[in-house]
PDB file of all heavy atoms in Angstrom:
ATOM      1  N   ALA A   1       4.768   4.499   6.608  1.00  0.00           N
ATOM      2  CA  ALA A   1       3.681   4.926   5.723  1.00  0.00           C
ATOM      3  C   ALA A   1       4.220   5.840   4.630  1.00  0.00           C
ATOM      4  O   ALA A   1       3.795   5.769   3.463  1.00  0.00           O
ATOM      5  CB  ALA A   1       2.588   5.627   6.537  1.00  0.00           C
ATOM      6  N   ALA A   2       5.180   6.713   4.984  1.00  0.00           N
ATOM      7  CA  ALA A   2       5.758   7.610   3.982  1.00  0.00           C
ATOM      8  C   ALA A   2       6.545   6.827   2.948  1.00  0.00           C
ATOM      9  O   ALA A   2       6.486   7.127   1.739  1.00  0.00           O
ATOM     10  CB  ALA A   2       6.652   8.640   4.668  1.00  0.00           C
ATOM     11  N   LEU A   3       7.309   5.789   3.401  1.00  0.00           N
ATOM     12  CA  LEU A   3       8.049   4.967   2.449  1.00  0.00           C
ATOM     13  C   LEU A   3       7.098   4.226   1.510  1.00  0.00           C
ATOM     14  O   LEU A   3       7.380   4.091   0.309  1.00  0.00           O
ATOM     15  CB  LEU A   3       8.937   3.963   3.194  1.00  0.00           C
ATOM     16  CG  LEU A   3      10.132   4.552   3.955  1.00  0.00           C
ATOM     17  CD1 LEU A   3      10.883   3.453   4.701  1.00  0.00           C
ATOM     18  CD2 LEU A   3      11.071   5.284   3.007  1.00  0.00           C
ATOM     19  N   CYS A   4       5.954   3.778   2.047  1.00  0.00           N
ATOM     20  CA  CYS A   4       4.963   3.113   1.190  1.00  0.00           C
ATOM     21  C   CYS A   4       4.444   4.083   0.138  1.00  0.00           C
ATOM     22  O   CYS A   4       4.272   3.736  -1.039  1.00  0.00           O
ATOM     23  CB  CYS A   4       3.815   2.572   2.042  1.00  0.00           C
ATOM     24  SG  CYS A   4       4.243   1.158   3.064  1.00  0.00           S
ATOM     25  N   GLY A   5       4.154   5.341   0.580  1.00  0.00           N
ATOM     26  CA  GLY A   5       3.643   6.328  -0.365  1.00  0.00           C
ATOM     27  C   GLY A   5       4.628   6.618  -1.471  1.00  0.00           C
ATOM     28  O   GLY A   5       4.247   6.865  -2.619  1.00  0.00           O
ATOM     29  N   ASN A   6       5.926   6.593  -1.138  1.00  0.00           N
ATOM     30  CA  ASN A   6       6.947   6.874  -2.143  1.00  0.00           C
ATOM     31  C   ASN A   6       7.226   5.672  -3.040  1.00  0.00           C
ATOM     32  O   ASN A   6       7.728   5.822  -4.159  1.00  0.00           O
ATOM     33  CB  ASN A   6       8.237   7.303  -1.457  1.00  0.00           C
ATOM     34  CG  ASN A   6       8.091   8.632  -0.746  1.00  0.00           C
ATOM     35  OD1 ASN A   6       7.279   9.470  -1.157  1.00  0.00           O
ATOM     36  ND2 ASN A   6       8.853   8.813   0.320  1.00  0.00           N
ATOM     37  N   THR A   7       6.946   4.491  -2.551  1.00  0.00           N
ATOM     38  CA  THR A   7       7.285   3.275  -3.292  1.00  0.00           C
ATOM     39  C   THR A   7       6.162   2.834  -4.211  1.00  0.00           C
ATOM     40  O   THR A   7       6.398   2.503  -5.383  1.00  0.00           O
ATOM     41  CB  THR A   7       7.630   2.144  -2.307  1.00  0.00           C
ATOM     42  OG1 THR A   7       8.720   2.552  -1.471  1.00  0.00           O
ATOM     43  CG2 THR A   7       7.994   0.865  -3.047  1.00  0.00           C
ATOM     44  N   PHE A   8       4.955   2.823  -3.708  1.00  0.00           N
ATOM     45  CA  PHE A   8       3.846   2.303  -4.507  1.00  0.00           C
ATOM     46  C   PHE A   8       3.304   3.367  -5.457  1.00  0.00           C
ATOM     47  O   PHE A   8       3.539   4.572  -5.293  1.00  0.00           O
ATOM     48  CB  PHE A   8       2.743   1.771  -3.588  1.00  0.00           C
ATOM     49  CG  PHE A   8       3.166   0.569  -2.792  1.00  0.00           C
ATOM     50  CD1 PHE A   8       3.365   0.649  -1.418  1.00  0.00           C
ATOM     51  CD2 PHE A   8       3.376  -0.651  -3.429  1.00  0.00           C
ATOM     52  CE1 PHE A   8       3.760  -0.455  -0.697  1.00  0.00           C
ATOM     53  CE2 PHE A   8       3.775  -1.766  -2.696  1.00  0.00           C
ATOM     54  CZ  PHE A   8       3.973  -1.669  -1.333  1.00  0.00           C
ATOM     55  N   ARG A   9       2.581   2.869  -6.417  1.00  0.00           N
ATOM     56  CA  ARG A   9       2.036   3.730  -7.464  1.00  0.00           C
ATOM     57  C   ARG A   9       0.772   4.459  -6.981  1.00  0.00           C
ATOM     58  O   ARG A   9       0.171   4.095  -5.961  1.00  0.00           O
ATOM     59  CB  ARG A   9       1.733   2.889  -8.696  1.00  0.00           C
ATOM     60  CG  ARG A   9       2.945   2.172  -9.269  1.00  0.00           C
ATOM     61  CD  ARG A   9       2.542   1.020 -10.152  1.00  0.00           C
ATOM     62  NE  ARG A   9       1.728   0.047  -9.436  1.00  0.00           N
ATOM     63  CZ  ARG A   9       1.321  -1.102  -9.969  1.00  0.00           C
ATOM     64  NH1 ARG A   9       1.639  -1.406 -11.221  1.00  0.00           N
ATOM     65  NH2 ARG A   9       0.589  -1.946  -9.255  1.00  0.00           N
ATOM     66  N   HIS A  10       0.340   5.450  -7.781  1.00  0.00           N
ATOM     67  CA  HIS A  10      -0.837   6.233  -7.410  1.00  0.00           C
ATOM     68  C   HIS A  10      -2.103   5.374  -7.396  1.00  0.00           C
ATOM     69  O   HIS A  10      -3.006   5.592  -6.571  1.00  0.00           O
ATOM     70  CB  HIS A  10      -1.017   7.408  -8.384  1.00  0.00           C
ATOM     71  CG  HIS A  10      -2.195   8.281  -8.064  1.00  0.00           C
ATOM     72  ND1 HIS A  10      -2.202   9.137  -6.981  1.00  0.00           N
ATOM     73  CD2 HIS A  10      -3.405   8.407  -8.670  1.00  0.00           C
ATOM     74  CE1 HIS A  10      -3.359   9.765  -6.939  1.00  0.00           C
ATOM     75  NE2 HIS A  10      -4.108   9.340  -7.951  1.00  0.00           N
ATOM     76  N   ALA A  11      -2.164   4.391  -8.272  1.00  0.00           N
ATOM     77  CA  ALA A  11      -3.361   3.552  -8.349  1.00  0.00           C
ATOM     78  C   ALA A  11      -3.390   2.490  -7.272  1.00  0.00           C
ATOM     79  O   ALA A  11      -4.433   1.855  -7.044  1.00  0.00           O
ATOM     80  CB  ALA A  11      -3.448   2.889  -9.721  1.00  0.00           C
ATOM     81  N   ASP A  12      -2.254   2.251  -6.591  1.00  0.00           N
ATOM     82  CA  ASP A  12      -2.213   1.239  -5.543  1.00  0.00           C
ATOM     83  C   ASP A  12      -2.895   1.762  -4.284  1.00  0.00           C
ATOM     84  O   ASP A  12      -2.825   2.958  -3.973  1.00  0.00           O
ATOM     85  CB  ASP A  12      -0.760   0.856  -5.240  1.00  0.00           C
ATOM     86  CG  ASP A  12      -0.063   0.263  -6.465  1.00  0.00           C
ATOM     87  OD1 ASP A  12      -0.790  -0.284  -7.330  1.00  0.00           O
ATOM     88  OD2 ASP A  12       1.172   0.391  -6.569  1.00  0.00           O
ATOM     89  N   ILE A  13      -3.504   0.855  -3.544  1.00  0.00           N
ATOM     90  CA  ILE A  13      -4.313   1.238  -2.384  1.00  0.00           C
ATOM     91  C   ILE A  13      -3.640   0.670  -1.145  1.00  0.00           C
ATOM     92  O   ILE A  13      -3.471  -0.556  -1.012  1.00  0.00           O
ATOM     93  CB  ILE A  13      -5.743   0.693  -2.525  1.00  0.00           C
ATOM     94  CG1 ILE A  13      -6.377   1.259  -3.806  1.00  0.00           C
ATOM     95  CG2 ILE A  13      -6.572   1.055  -1.309  1.00  0.00           C
ATOM     96  CD1 ILE A  13      -7.571   0.480  -4.285  1.00  0.00           C
ATOM     97  N   ILE A  14      -3.259   1.573  -0.209  1.00  0.00           N
ATOM     98  CA  ILE A  14      -2.501   1.206   0.981  1.00  0.00           C
ATOM     99  C   ILE A  14      -3.396   1.409   2.196  1.00  0.00           C
ATOM    100  O   ILE A  14      -4.108   2.412   2.302  1.00  0.00           O
ATOM    101  CB  ILE A  14      -1.221   2.042   1.117  1.00  0.00           C
ATOM    102  CG1 ILE A  14      -0.446   2.059  -0.209  1.00  0.00           C
ATOM    103  CG2 ILE A  14      -0.347   1.548   2.256  1.00  0.00           C
ATOM    104  CD1 ILE A  14       0.680   3.067  -0.244  1.00  0.00           C
ATOM    105  N   GLY A  15      -3.379   0.493   3.120  1.00  0.00           N
ATOM    106  CA  GLY A  15      -4.155   0.627   4.335  1.00  0.00           C
ATOM    107  C   GLY A  15      -3.438   0.083   5.534  1.00  0.00           C
ATOM    108  O   GLY A  15      -2.568  -0.794   5.430  1.00  0.00           O
ATOM    109  N   ARG A  16      -3.758   0.660   6.704  1.00  0.00           N
ATOM    110  CA  ARG A  16      -3.237   0.137   7.973  1.00  0.00           C
ATOM    111  C   ARG A  16      -4.344  -0.744   8.557  1.00  0.00           C
ATOM    112  O   ARG A  16      -5.381  -0.245   8.985  1.00  0.00           O
ATOM    113  CB  ARG A  16      -2.886   1.281   8.919  1.00  0.00           C
ATOM    114  CG  ARG A  16      -2.302   0.787  10.253  1.00  0.00           C
ATOM    115  CD  ARG A  16      -2.068   1.968  11.199  1.00  0.00           C
ATOM    116  NE  ARG A  16      -1.553   1.506  12.491  1.00  0.00           N
ATOM    117  CZ  ARG A  16      -1.458   2.264  13.585  1.00  0.00           C
ATOM    118  NH1 ARG A  16      -1.850   3.547  13.511  1.00  0.00           N
ATOM    119  NH2 ARG A  16      -0.979   1.773  14.701  1.00  0.00           N
ATOM    120  N   VAL A  17      -4.116  -2.034   8.600  1.00  0.00           N
ATOM    121  CA  VAL A  17      -5.173  -2.966   8.991  1.00  0.00           C
ATOM    122  C   VAL A  17      -4.985  -3.494  10.409  1.00  0.00           C
ATOM    123  O   VAL A  17      -5.839  -4.242  10.913  1.00  0.00           O
ATOM    124  CB  VAL A  17      -5.224  -4.157   8.002  1.00  0.00           C
ATOM    125  CG1 VAL A  17      -5.605  -3.684   6.621  1.00  0.00           C
ATOM    126  CG2 VAL A  17      -3.902  -4.901   7.971  1.00  0.00           C
ATOM    127  N   GLY A  18      -3.906  -3.119  11.065  1.00  0.00           N
ATOM    128  CA  GLY A  18      -3.670  -3.522  12.448  1.00  0.00           C
ATOM    129  C   GLY A  18      -2.693  -2.585  13.094  1.00  0.00           C
ATOM    130  O   GLY A  18      -2.384  -1.510  12.562  1.00  0.00           O
ATOM    131  N   GLY A  19      -2.149  -2.956  14.290  1.00  0.00           N
ATOM    132  CA  GLY A  19      -1.227  -2.072  14.982  1.00  0.00           C
ATOM    133  C   GLY A  19      -0.014  -1.741  14.161  1.00  0.00           C
ATOM    134  O   GLY A  19       0.268  -0.577  13.875  1.00  0.00           O
ATOM    135  N   GLU A  20       0.776  -2.793  13.782  1.00  0.00           N
ATOM    136  CA  GLU A  20       1.926  -2.578  12.920  1.00  0.00           C
ATOM    137  C   GLU A  20       1.793  -3.353  11.631  1.00  0.00           C
ATOM    138  O   GLU A  20       2.780  -3.603  10.930  1.00  0.00           O
ATOM    139  CB  GLU A  20       3.221  -2.986  13.633  1.00  0.00           C
ATOM    140  CG  GLU A  20       3.351  -4.462  13.932  1.00  0.00           C
ATOM    141  CD  GLU A  20       2.693  -4.880  15.238  1.00  0.00           C
ATOM    142  OE1 GLU A  20       1.898  -4.069  15.809  1.00  0.00           O
ATOM    143  OE2 GLU A  20       2.963  -5.973  15.710  1.00  0.00           O
ATOM    144  N   GLU A  21       0.521  -3.695  11.268  1.00  0.00           N
ATOM    145  CA  GLU A  21       0.248  -4.508  10.090  1.00  0.00           C
ATOM    146  C   GLU A  21      -0.388  -3.630   9.012  1.00  0.00           C
ATOM    147  O   GLU A  21      -1.308  -2.854   9.283  1.00  0.00           O
ATOM    148  CB  GLU A  21      -0.673  -5.660  10.468  1.00  0.00           C
ATOM    149  CG  GLU A  21      -0.776  -6.728   9.404  1.00  0.00           C
ATOM    150  CD  GLU A  21      -1.572  -7.935   9.889  1.00  0.00           C
ATOM    151  OE1 GLU A  21      -2.208  -7.843  10.968  1.00  0.00           O
ATOM    152  OE2 GLU A  21      -1.578  -8.955   9.189  1.00  0.00           O
ATOM    153  N   PHE A  22       0.083  -3.784   7.766  1.00  0.00           N
ATOM    154  CA  PHE A  22      -0.369  -2.955   6.650  1.00  0.00           C
ATOM    155  C   PHE A  22      -0.758  -3.859   5.494  1.00  0.00           C
ATOM    156  O   PHE A  22      -0.247  -4.986   5.365  1.00  0.00           O
ATOM    157  CB  PHE A  22       0.726  -1.988   6.212  1.00  0.00           C
ATOM    158  CG  PHE A  22       1.117  -0.994   7.257  1.00  0.00           C
ATOM    159  CD1 PHE A  22       2.039  -1.347   8.246  1.00  0.00           C
ATOM    160  CD2 PHE A  22       0.571   0.275   7.264  1.00  0.00           C
ATOM    161  CE1 PHE A  22       2.401  -0.443   9.225  1.00  0.00           C
ATOM    162  CE2 PHE A  22       0.951   1.182   8.246  1.00  0.00           C
ATOM    163  CZ  PHE A  22       1.849   0.832   9.229  1.00  0.00           C
ATOM    164  N   GLY A  23      -1.683  -3.362   4.624  1.00  0.00           N
ATOM    165  CA  GLY A  23      -2.069  -4.094   3.438  1.00  0.00           C
ATOM    166  C   GLY A  23      -2.007  -3.190   2.221  1.00  0.00           C
ATOM    167  O   GLY A  23      -2.174  -1.967   2.317  1.00  0.00           O
ATOM    168  N   VAL A  24      -1.758  -3.830   1.053  1.00  0.00           N
ATOM    169  CA  VAL A  24      -1.695  -3.061  -0.191  1.00  0.00           C
ATOM    170  C   VAL A  24      -2.454  -3.835  -1.255  1.00  0.00           C
ATOM    171  O   VAL A  24      -2.249  -5.050  -1.412  1.00  0.00           O
ATOM    172  CB  VAL A  24      -0.241  -2.825  -0.647  1.00  0.00           C
ATOM    173  CG1 VAL A  24      -0.224  -1.973  -1.914  1.00  0.00           C
ATOM    174  CG2 VAL A  24       0.590  -2.187   0.446  1.00  0.00           C
ATOM    175  N   LEU A  25      -3.329  -3.149  -1.979  1.00  0.00           N
ATOM    176  CA  LEU A  25      -4.026  -3.700  -3.142  1.00  0.00           C
ATOM    177  C   LEU A  25      -3.316  -3.181  -4.379  1.00  0.00           C
ATOM    178  O   LEU A  25      -3.142  -1.956  -4.542  1.00  0.00           O
ATOM    179  CB  LEU A  25      -5.500  -3.272  -3.142  1.00  0.00           C
ATOM    180  CG  LEU A  25      -6.344  -3.714  -1.931  1.00  0.00           C
ATOM    181  CD1 LEU A  25      -7.739  -3.082  -1.980  1.00  0.00           C
ATOM    182  CD2 LEU A  25      -6.454  -5.222  -1.899  1.00  0.00           C
ATOM    183  N   LEU A  26      -2.949  -4.096  -5.263  1.00  0.00           N
ATOM    184  CA  LEU A  26      -2.171  -3.730  -6.449  1.00  0.00           C
ATOM    185  C   LEU A  26      -2.959  -4.120  -7.697  1.00  0.00           C
ATOM    186  O   LEU A  26      -2.809  -5.236  -8.217  1.00  0.00           O
ATOM    187  CB  LEU A  26      -0.813  -4.439  -6.426  1.00  0.00           C
ATOM    188  CG  LEU A  26       0.039  -4.182  -5.181  1.00  0.00           C
ATOM    189  CD1 LEU A  26       1.136  -5.221  -5.071  1.00  0.00           C
ATOM    190  CD2 LEU A  26       0.615  -2.784  -5.239  1.00  0.00           C
ATOM    191  N   PRO A  27      -3.849  -3.228  -8.209  1.00  0.00           N
ATOM    192  CA  PRO A  27      -4.626  -3.544  -9.403  1.00  0.00           C
ATOM    193  C   PRO A  27      -3.709  -3.662 -10.624  1.00  0.00           C
ATOM    194  O   PRO A  27      -2.666  -2.994 -10.716  1.00  0.00           O
ATOM    195  CB  PRO A  27      -5.596  -2.365  -9.527  1.00  0.00           C
ATOM    196  CG  PRO A  27      -5.592  -1.712  -8.194  1.00  0.00           C
ATOM    197  CD  PRO A  27      -4.225  -1.921  -7.640  1.00  0.00           C
ATOM    198  N   PHE A  28      -4.138  -4.523 -11.575  1.00  0.00           N
ATOM    199  CA  PHE A  28      -3.403  -4.703 -12.828  1.00  0.00           C
ATOM    200  C   PHE A  28      -1.939  -5.074 -12.569  1.00  0.00           C
ATOM    201  O   PHE A  28      -1.036  -4.640 -13.284  1.00  0.00           O
ATOM    202  CB  PHE A  28      -3.484  -3.442 -13.699  1.00  0.00           C
ATOM    203  CG  PHE A  28      -4.878  -2.995 -14.026  1.00  0.00           C
ATOM    204  CD1 PHE A  28      -5.495  -2.011 -13.263  1.00  0.00           C
ATOM    205  CD2 PHE A  28      -5.580  -3.571 -15.077  1.00  0.00           C
ATOM    206  CE1 PHE A  28      -6.771  -1.601 -13.563  1.00  0.00           C
ATOM    207  CE2 PHE A  28      -6.852  -3.165 -15.356  1.00  0.00           C
ATOM    208  CZ  PHE A  28      -7.473  -2.187 -14.610  1.00  0.00           C
ATOM    209  N   THR A  29      -1.711  -5.871 -11.548  1.00  0.00           N
ATOM    210  CA  THR A  29      -0.332  -6.204 -11.164  1.00  0.00           C
ATOM    211  C   THR A  29      -0.225  -7.721 -10.972  1.00  0.00           C
ATOM    212  O   THR A  29      -0.989  -8.314 -10.199  1.00  0.00           O
ATOM    213  CB  THR A  29       0.051  -5.487  -9.856  1.00  0.00           C
ATOM    214  OG1 THR A  29      -0.170  -4.094 -10.008  1.00  0.00           O
ATOM    215  CG2 THR A  29       1.515  -5.764  -9.506  1.00  0.00           C
ATOM    216  N   THR A  30       0.752  -8.280 -11.662  1.00  0.00           N
ATOM    217  CA  THR A  30       0.997  -9.721 -11.518  1.00  0.00           C
ATOM    218  C   THR A  30       1.767  -9.984 -10.232  1.00  0.00           C
ATOM    219  O   THR A  30       2.262  -9.041  -9.580  1.00  0.00           O
ATOM    220  CB  THR A  30       1.784 -10.251 -12.713  1.00  0.00           C
ATOM    221  OG1 THR A  30       3.069  -9.630 -12.724  1.00  0.00           O
ATOM    222  CG2 THR A  30       1.049  -9.986 -14.025  1.00  0.00           C
TER     223      THR A  30
END
């Protein structure tokens, strides 16, 4: 989770959707 916070942008939305499964929403991103 810390690596995700350091890697993704402030506008990106990170969530833990399962035990070891994570999702990221990347607005304005191709």
